[in-house]
Amino acid sequence: MKTGINNFVTALKQGKTLLYPADTIWGLGCDATNQKAVDTIFKLKNRPKNKPLIALVANVEMLKQYVENVPENIEELLNNEHPTTLVYPNGKGLTKGVISDNGSVAIRIPKPCFALDLIKAFGKPIVSTSANLSGAPIPATFHEIDPQILARVDEVVPLNKDNLAQIPSRVLQVLPDGSVKQLR
């Protein structure tokens, strides 16, 4: 069983999909810059192509590489106990399906956890979407993950399998004028 973070970095570089514990829920992920890997996540979840995926980045510096404009109050928006995903009007450098048809992109910086360590080691954003089939309930524990997901994902990170999932991140939309609107 693979357990070292470098094994999972290698898997991401090879375009493989991962099932991993994030700071919120169990997530399915891959290299957010690899179109074939992102397409695999959509197929794995039976997710409609018009529902873009969230990307995780390591920090504000990495974030700036993948969005056109970062709000001046970014630290204030992210300095919240609750994990926060921000939807930016103009993404760049990520694949279709992560960047939506209208050019927007949803990105989150996870709280300290395995996912954050993985992104730092990988050096690029990774996809983060709940580990369920599209439309099905989000699993509260690893043991509630649909067997279809477990059978079809390339790699499973063997950590935190008994932890209860937290609630998904809140989602805020950054408007062109820099103001913010809560979506979830």
C-alpha atoms as a PDB file:
ATOM      1  CA  MET A   1       0.000   0.000   0.000  1.00  0.00           C
ATOM      2  CA  LYS A   2       1.380   3.385  -0.978  1.00  0.00           C
ATOM      3  CA  THR A   3       1.558   5.836   1.915  1.00  0.00           C
ATOM      4  CA  GLY A   4       4.390   8.275   1.159  1.00  0.00           C
ATOM      5  CA  ILE A   5       3.399  11.677  -0.205  1.00  0.00           C
ATOM      6  CA  ASN A   6       5.967  11.349  -3.004  1.00  0.00           C
ATOM      7  CA  ASN A   7       4.087   8.304  -4.337  1.00  0.00           C
ATOM      8  CA  PHE A   8       0.951  10.445  -4.673  1.00  0.00           C
ATOM      9  CA  VAL A   9       2.876  13.320  -6.272  1.00  0.00           C
ATOM     10  CA  THR A  10       4.169  10.812  -8.843  1.00  0.00           C
ATOM     11  CA  ALA A  11       0.617   9.558  -9.420  1.00  0.00           C
ATOM     12  CA  LEU A  12      -0.570  13.143 -10.060  1.00  0.00           C
ATOM     13  CA  LYS A  13       2.300  13.737 -12.486  1.00  0.00           C
ATOM     14  CA  GLN A  14       1.229  10.551 -14.327  1.00  0.00           C
ATOM     15  CA  GLY A  15      -2.316  11.895 -14.738  1.00  0.00           C
ATOM     16  CA  LYS A  16      -3.844   9.520 -12.206  1.00  0.00           C
ATOM     17  CA  THR A  17      -6.884  10.185 -10.027  1.00  0.00           C
ATOM     18  CA  LEU A  18      -6.750  10.187  -6.225  1.00  0.00           C
ATOM     19  CA  LEU A  19      -9.219   9.647  -3.417  1.00  0.00           C
ATOM     20  CA  TYR A  20      -7.895  11.657  -0.485  1.00  0.00           C
ATOM     21  CA  PRO A  21      -8.903  13.287   2.787  1.00  0.00           C
ATOM     22  CA  ALA A  22      -9.150  17.078   2.493  1.00  0.00           C
ATOM     23  CA  ASP A  23      -9.695  19.486   5.347  1.00  0.00           C
ATOM     24  CA  THR A  24     -13.444  19.260   4.751  1.00  0.00           C
ATOM     25  CA  ILE A  25     -14.580  15.948   3.224  1.00  0.00           C
ATOM     26  CA  TRP A  26     -13.159  12.991   1.299  1.00  0.00           C
ATOM     27  CA  GLY A  27     -12.256  14.305  -2.126  1.00  0.00           C
ATOM     28  CA  LEU A  28     -11.575  13.039  -5.601  1.00  0.00           C
ATOM     29  CA  GLY A  29      -8.718  14.817  -7.259  1.00  0.00           C
ATOM     30  CA  CYS A  30      -6.146  15.014  -9.981  1.00  0.00           C
ATOM     31  CA  ASP A  31      -3.797  17.518 -11.602  1.00  0.00           C
ATOM     32  CA  ALA A  32      -6.026  20.540 -12.327  1.00  0.00           C
ATOM     33  CA  THR A  33      -3.838  21.381 -15.350  1.00  0.00           C
ATOM     34  CA  ASN A  34      -4.206  17.950 -17.003  1.00  0.00           C
ATOM     35  CA  GLN A  35      -7.281  17.821 -19.274  1.00  0.00           C
ATOM     36  CA  LYS A  36      -7.324  14.024 -19.587  1.00  0.00           C
ATOM     37  CA  ALA A  37      -7.171  13.597 -15.782  1.00  0.00           C
ATOM     38  CA  VAL A  38      -9.947  16.164 -15.253  1.00  0.00           C
ATOM     39  CA  ASP A  39     -12.101  14.414 -17.872  1.00  0.00           C
ATOM     40  CA  THR A  40     -11.565  11.159 -15.947  1.00  0.00           C
ATOM     41  CA  ILE A  41     -12.914  12.767 -12.746  1.00  0.00           C
ATOM     42  CA  PHE A  42     -16.067  13.869 -14.613  1.00  0.00           C
ATOM     43  CA  LYS A  43     -16.557  10.300 -15.906  1.00  0.00           C
ATOM     44  CA  LEU A  44     -15.818   8.739 -12.510  1.00  0.00           C
ATOM     45  CA  LYS A  45     -18.519  10.866 -10.836  1.00  0.00           C
ATOM     46  CA  ASN A  46     -20.968  10.832 -13.788  1.00  0.00           C
ATOM     47  CA  ARG A  47     -20.850  14.616 -13.372  1.00  0.00           C
ATOM     48  CA  PRO A  48     -22.357  16.927 -15.999  1.00  0.00           C
ATOM     49  CA  LYS A  49     -19.680  18.881 -17.882  1.00  0.00           C
ATOM     50  CA  ASN A  50     -21.499  22.150 -17.137  1.00  0.00           C
ATOM     51  CA  LYS A  51     -20.753  21.756 -13.382  1.00  0.00           C
ATOM     52  CA  PRO A  52     -17.110  22.864 -13.029  1.00  0.00           C
ATOM     53  CA  LEU A  53     -14.790  21.403 -10.417  1.00  0.00           C
ATOM     54  CA  ILE A  54     -13.030  23.203  -7.582  1.00  0.00           C
ATOM     55  CA  ALA A  55      -9.240  23.498  -7.550  1.00  0.00           C
ATOM     56  CA  LEU A  56      -7.078  23.619  -4.436  1.00  0.00           C
ATOM     57  CA  VAL A  57      -3.912  25.732  -4.273  1.00  0.00           C
ATOM     58  CA  ALA A  58      -1.232  25.927  -1.585  1.00  0.00           C
ATOM     59  CA  ASN A  59      -1.219  29.658  -0.891  1.00  0.00           C
ATOM     60  CA  VAL A  60      -2.024  33.138  -2.222  1.00  0.00           C
ATOM     61  CA  GLU A  61       1.168  33.146  -4.320  1.00  0.00           C
ATOM     62  CA  MET A  62       0.032  30.012  -6.165  1.00  0.00           C
ATOM     63  CA  LEU A  63      -3.489  31.422  -6.443  1.00  0.00           C
ATOM     64  CA  LYS A  64      -2.152  34.495  -8.285  1.00  0.00           C
ATOM     65  CA  GLN A  65      -0.798  32.212 -11.036  1.00  0.00           C
ATOM     66  CA  TYR A  66      -4.296  30.905 -11.843  1.00  0.00           C
ATOM     67  CA  VAL A  67      -6.619  33.926 -11.599  1.00  0.00           C
ATOM     68  CA  GLU A  68      -6.521  37.259 -13.410  1.00  0.00           C
ATOM     69  CA  ASN A  69      -7.262  39.450 -10.383  1.00  0.00           C
ATOM     70  CA  VAL A  70      -6.910  38.686  -6.697  1.00  0.00           C
ATOM     71  CA  PRO A  71      -9.056  40.930  -4.471  1.00  0.00           C
ATOM     72  CA  GLU A  72      -7.132  43.336  -2.249  1.00  0.00           C
ATOM     73  CA  ASN A  73      -8.911  41.893   0.798  1.00  0.00           C
ATOM     74  CA  ILE A  74      -7.985  38.274  -0.059  1.00  0.00           C
ATOM     75  CA  GLU A  75      -6.360  37.631   3.334  1.00  0.00           C
ATOM     76  CA  GLU A  76      -9.500  38.867   5.098  1.00  0.00           C
ATOM     77  CA  LEU A  77     -11.718  36.627   2.951  1.00  0.00           C
ATOM     78  CA  LEU A  78      -9.545  33.587   3.619  1.00  0.00           C
ATOM     79  CA  ASN A  79      -8.922  34.306   7.307  1.00  0.00           C
ATOM     80  CA  ASN A  80     -12.019  32.482   8.451  1.00  0.00           C
ATOM     81  CA  GLU A  81     -12.478  29.400  10.603  1.00  0.00           C
ATOM     82  CA  HIS A  82     -14.713  27.887   7.930  1.00  0.00           C
ATOM     83  CA  PRO A  83     -12.965  26.596   4.796  1.00  0.00           C
ATOM     84  CA  THR A  84     -13.778  29.016   1.984  1.00  0.00           C
ATOM     85  CA  THR A  85     -13.891  28.496  -1.767  1.00  0.00           C
ATOM     86  CA  LEU A  86     -13.793  31.672  -3.833  1.00  0.00           C
ATOM     87  CA  VAL A  87     -15.195  31.858  -7.353  1.00  0.00           C
ATOM     88  CA  TYR A  88     -13.063  34.267  -9.395  1.00  0.00           C
ATOM     89  CA  PRO A  89     -14.412  35.822 -12.608  1.00  0.00           C
ATOM     90  CA  ASN A  90     -11.343  35.003 -14.735  1.00  0.00           C
ATOM     91  CA  GLY A  91      -9.272  31.852 -14.320  1.00  0.00           C
ATOM     92  CA  LYS A  92      -6.152  30.963 -16.288  1.00  0.00           C
ATOM     93  CA  GLY A  93      -3.744  28.048 -16.698  1.00  0.00           C
ATOM     94  CA  LEU A  94      -6.248  25.397 -15.605  1.00  0.00           C
ATOM     95  CA  THR A  95      -8.166  22.962 -17.798  1.00  0.00           C
ATOM     96  CA  LYS A  96     -11.687  23.153 -19.130  1.00  0.00           C
ATOM     97  CA  GLY A  97     -13.986  21.731 -16.497  1.00  0.00           C
ATOM     98  CA  VAL A  98     -12.023  23.498 -13.787  1.00  0.00           C
ATOM     99  CA  ILE A  99     -12.390  26.799 -15.616  1.00  0.00           C
ATOM    100  CA  SER A 100     -16.085  27.097 -16.466  1.00  0.00           C
ATOM    101  CA  ASP A 101     -17.507  28.013 -19.855  1.00  0.00           C
ATOM    102  CA  ASN A 102     -17.873  31.636 -18.706  1.00  0.00           C
ATOM    103  CA  GLY A 103     -14.191  31.775 -17.682  1.00  0.00           C
ATOM    104  CA  SER A 104     -14.767  31.727 -13.930  1.00  0.00           C
ATOM    105  CA  VAL A 105     -12.923  29.374 -11.605  1.00  0.00           C
ATOM    106  CA  ALA A 106     -13.549  28.142  -8.036  1.00  0.00           C
ATOM    107  CA  ILE A 107     -10.373  27.876  -5.935  1.00  0.00           C
ATOM    108  CA  ARG A 108      -9.713  27.129  -2.275  1.00  0.00           C
ATOM    109  CA  ILE A 109      -6.635  27.125  -0.077  1.00  0.00           C
ATOM    110  CA  PRO A 110      -7.125  24.204   2.330  1.00  0.00           C
ATOM    111  CA  LYS A 111      -6.404  24.424   6.025  1.00  0.00           C
ATOM    112  CA  PRO A 112      -3.336  22.415   7.142  1.00  0.00           C
ATOM    113  CA  CYS A 113      -3.927  18.764   6.224  1.00  0.00           C
ATOM    114  CA  PHE A 114      -2.696  16.043   3.871  1.00  0.00           C
ATOM    115  CA  ALA A 115      -4.196  17.827   0.837  1.00  0.00           C
ATOM    116  CA  LEU A 116      -2.242  21.023   1.560  1.00  0.00           C
ATOM    117  CA  ASP A 117       0.993  19.041   1.989  1.00  0.00           C
ATOM    118  CA  LEU A 118       0.269  17.234  -1.297  1.00  0.00           C
ATOM    119  CA  ILE A 119      -0.282  20.485  -3.221  1.00  0.00           C
ATOM    120  CA  LYS A 120       2.922  21.980  -1.823  1.00  0.00           C
ATOM    121  CA  ALA A 121       4.888  18.870  -2.813  1.00  0.00           C
ATOM    122  CA  PHE A 122       3.224  18.725  -6.265  1.00  0.00           C
ATOM    123  CA  GLY A 123       3.719  22.433  -6.939  1.00  0.00           C
ATOM    124  CA  LYS A 124       0.468  22.827  -8.901  1.00  0.00           C
ATOM    125  CA  PRO A 125      -3.270  22.980  -8.156  1.00  0.00           C
ATOM    126  CA  ILE A 126      -5.238  19.797  -7.718  1.00  0.00           C
ATOM    127  CA  VAL A 127      -8.934  19.176  -8.313  1.00  0.00           C
ATOM    128  CA  SER A 128     -11.117  18.732  -5.269  1.00  0.00           C
ATOM    129  CA  THR A 129     -14.624  17.380  -5.624  1.00  0.00           C
ATOM    130  CA  SER A 130     -16.676  15.329  -3.202  1.00  0.00           C
ATOM    131  CA  ALA A 131     -16.109  11.568  -3.336  1.00  0.00           C
ATOM    132  CA  ASN A 132     -19.609  10.681  -4.473  1.00  0.00           C
ATOM    133  CA  LEU A 133     -21.448   9.984  -7.687  1.00  0.00           C
ATOM    134  CA  SER A 134     -23.077  13.146  -9.015  1.00  0.00           C
ATOM    135  CA  GLY A 135     -26.353  13.766  -7.207  1.00  0.00           C
ATOM    136  CA  ALA A 136     -25.692  11.221  -4.448  1.00  0.00           C
ATOM    137  CA  PRO A 137     -25.177  12.259  -0.812  1.00  0.00           C
ATOM    138  CA  ILE A 138     -21.679  13.301   0.246  1.00  0.00           C
ATOM    139  CA  PRO A 139     -20.160  10.448   2.292  1.00  0.00           C
ATOM    140  CA  ALA A 140     -19.595  11.291   5.959  1.00  0.00           C
ATOM    141  CA  THR A 141     -16.810   8.697   6.303  1.00  0.00           C
ATOM    142  CA  PHE A 142     -14.487   6.757   4.045  1.00  0.00           C
ATOM    143  CA  HIS A 143     -16.607   3.661   4.616  1.00  0.00           C
ATOM    144  CA  GLU A 144     -19.659   5.392   3.057  1.00  0.00           C
ATOM    145  CA  ILE A 145     -17.890   6.041  -0.266  1.00  0.00           C
ATOM    146  CA  ASP A 146     -19.677   4.327  -3.150  1.00  0.00           C
ATOM    147  CA  PRO A 147     -17.947   1.073  -4.211  1.00  0.00           C
ATOM    148  CA  GLN A 148     -18.029   2.331  -7.844  1.00  0.00           C
ATOM    149  CA  ILE A 149     -15.825   5.268  -6.835  1.00  0.00           C
ATOM    150  CA  LEU A 150     -13.422   3.007  -4.925  1.00  0.00           C
ATOM    151  CA  ALA A 151     -13.182   0.597  -7.857  1.00  0.00           C
ATOM    152  CA  ARG A 152     -12.552   3.274 -10.485  1.00  0.00           C
ATOM    153  CA  VAL A 153     -10.193   5.723  -8.765  1.00  0.00           C
ATOM    154  CA  ASP A 154      -6.489   5.094  -9.455  1.00  0.00           C
ATOM    155  CA  GLU A 155      -5.067   5.683  -5.960  1.00  0.00           C
ATOM    156  CA  VAL A 156      -6.519   5.844  -2.439  1.00  0.00           C
ATOM    157  CA  VAL A 157      -4.700   7.780   0.278  1.00  0.00           C
ATOM    158  CA  PRO A 158      -4.886   5.497   3.336  1.00  0.00           C
ATOM    159  CA  LEU A 159      -5.289   8.224   5.971  1.00  0.00           C
ATOM    160  CA  ASN A 160      -8.105   9.377   8.275  1.00  0.00           C
ATOM    161  CA  LYS A 161     -10.448   6.590   7.170  1.00  0.00           C
ATOM    162  CA  ASP A 162     -12.395   6.699  10.442  1.00  0.00           C
ATOM    163  CA  ASN A 163     -12.748  10.492  10.661  1.00  0.00           C
ATOM    164  CA  LEU A 164     -16.163  11.999  10.146  1.00  0.00           C
ATOM    165  CA  ALA A 165     -16.335  14.463   7.280  1.00  0.00           C
ATOM    166  CA  GLN A 166     -16.762  18.121   8.026  1.00  0.00           C
ATOM    167  CA  ILE A 167     -19.228  20.195   6.071  1.00  0.00           C
ATOM    168  CA  PRO A 168     -18.123  21.254   2.588  1.00  0.00           C
ATOM    169  CA  SER A 169     -16.516  24.657   2.201  1.00  0.00           C
ATOM    170  CA  ARG A 170     -18.580  27.796   1.969  1.00  0.00           C
ATOM    171  CA  VAL A 171     -18.530  29.272  -1.521  1.00  0.00           C
ATOM    172  CA  LEU A 172     -18.180  33.000  -2.170  1.00  0.00           C
ATOM    173  CA  GLN A 173     -18.245  34.660  -5.587  1.00  0.00           C
ATOM    174  CA  VAL A 174     -15.813  37.493  -6.236  1.00  0.00           C
ATOM    175  CA  LEU A 175     -17.647  40.007  -8.416  1.00  0.00           C
ATOM    176  CA  PRO A 176     -15.853  42.125 -11.049  1.00  0.00           C
ATOM    177  CA  ASP A 177     -15.985  45.189  -8.768  1.00  0.00           C
ATOM    178  CA  GLY A 178     -14.198  43.224  -6.020  1.00  0.00           C
ATOM    179  CA  SER A 179     -17.251  42.757  -3.821  1.00  0.00           C
ATOM    180  CA  VAL A 180     -18.263  39.284  -2.658  1.00  0.00           C
ATOM    181  CA  LYS A 181     -21.552  37.368  -2.763  1.00  0.00           C
ATOM    182  CA  GLN A 182     -22.210  34.147  -0.806  1.00  0.00           C
ATOM    183  CA  LEU A 183     -23.280  31.200  -3.020  1.00  0.00           C
ATOM    184  CA  ARG A 184     -23.197  28.371  -0.432  1.00  0.00           C
END
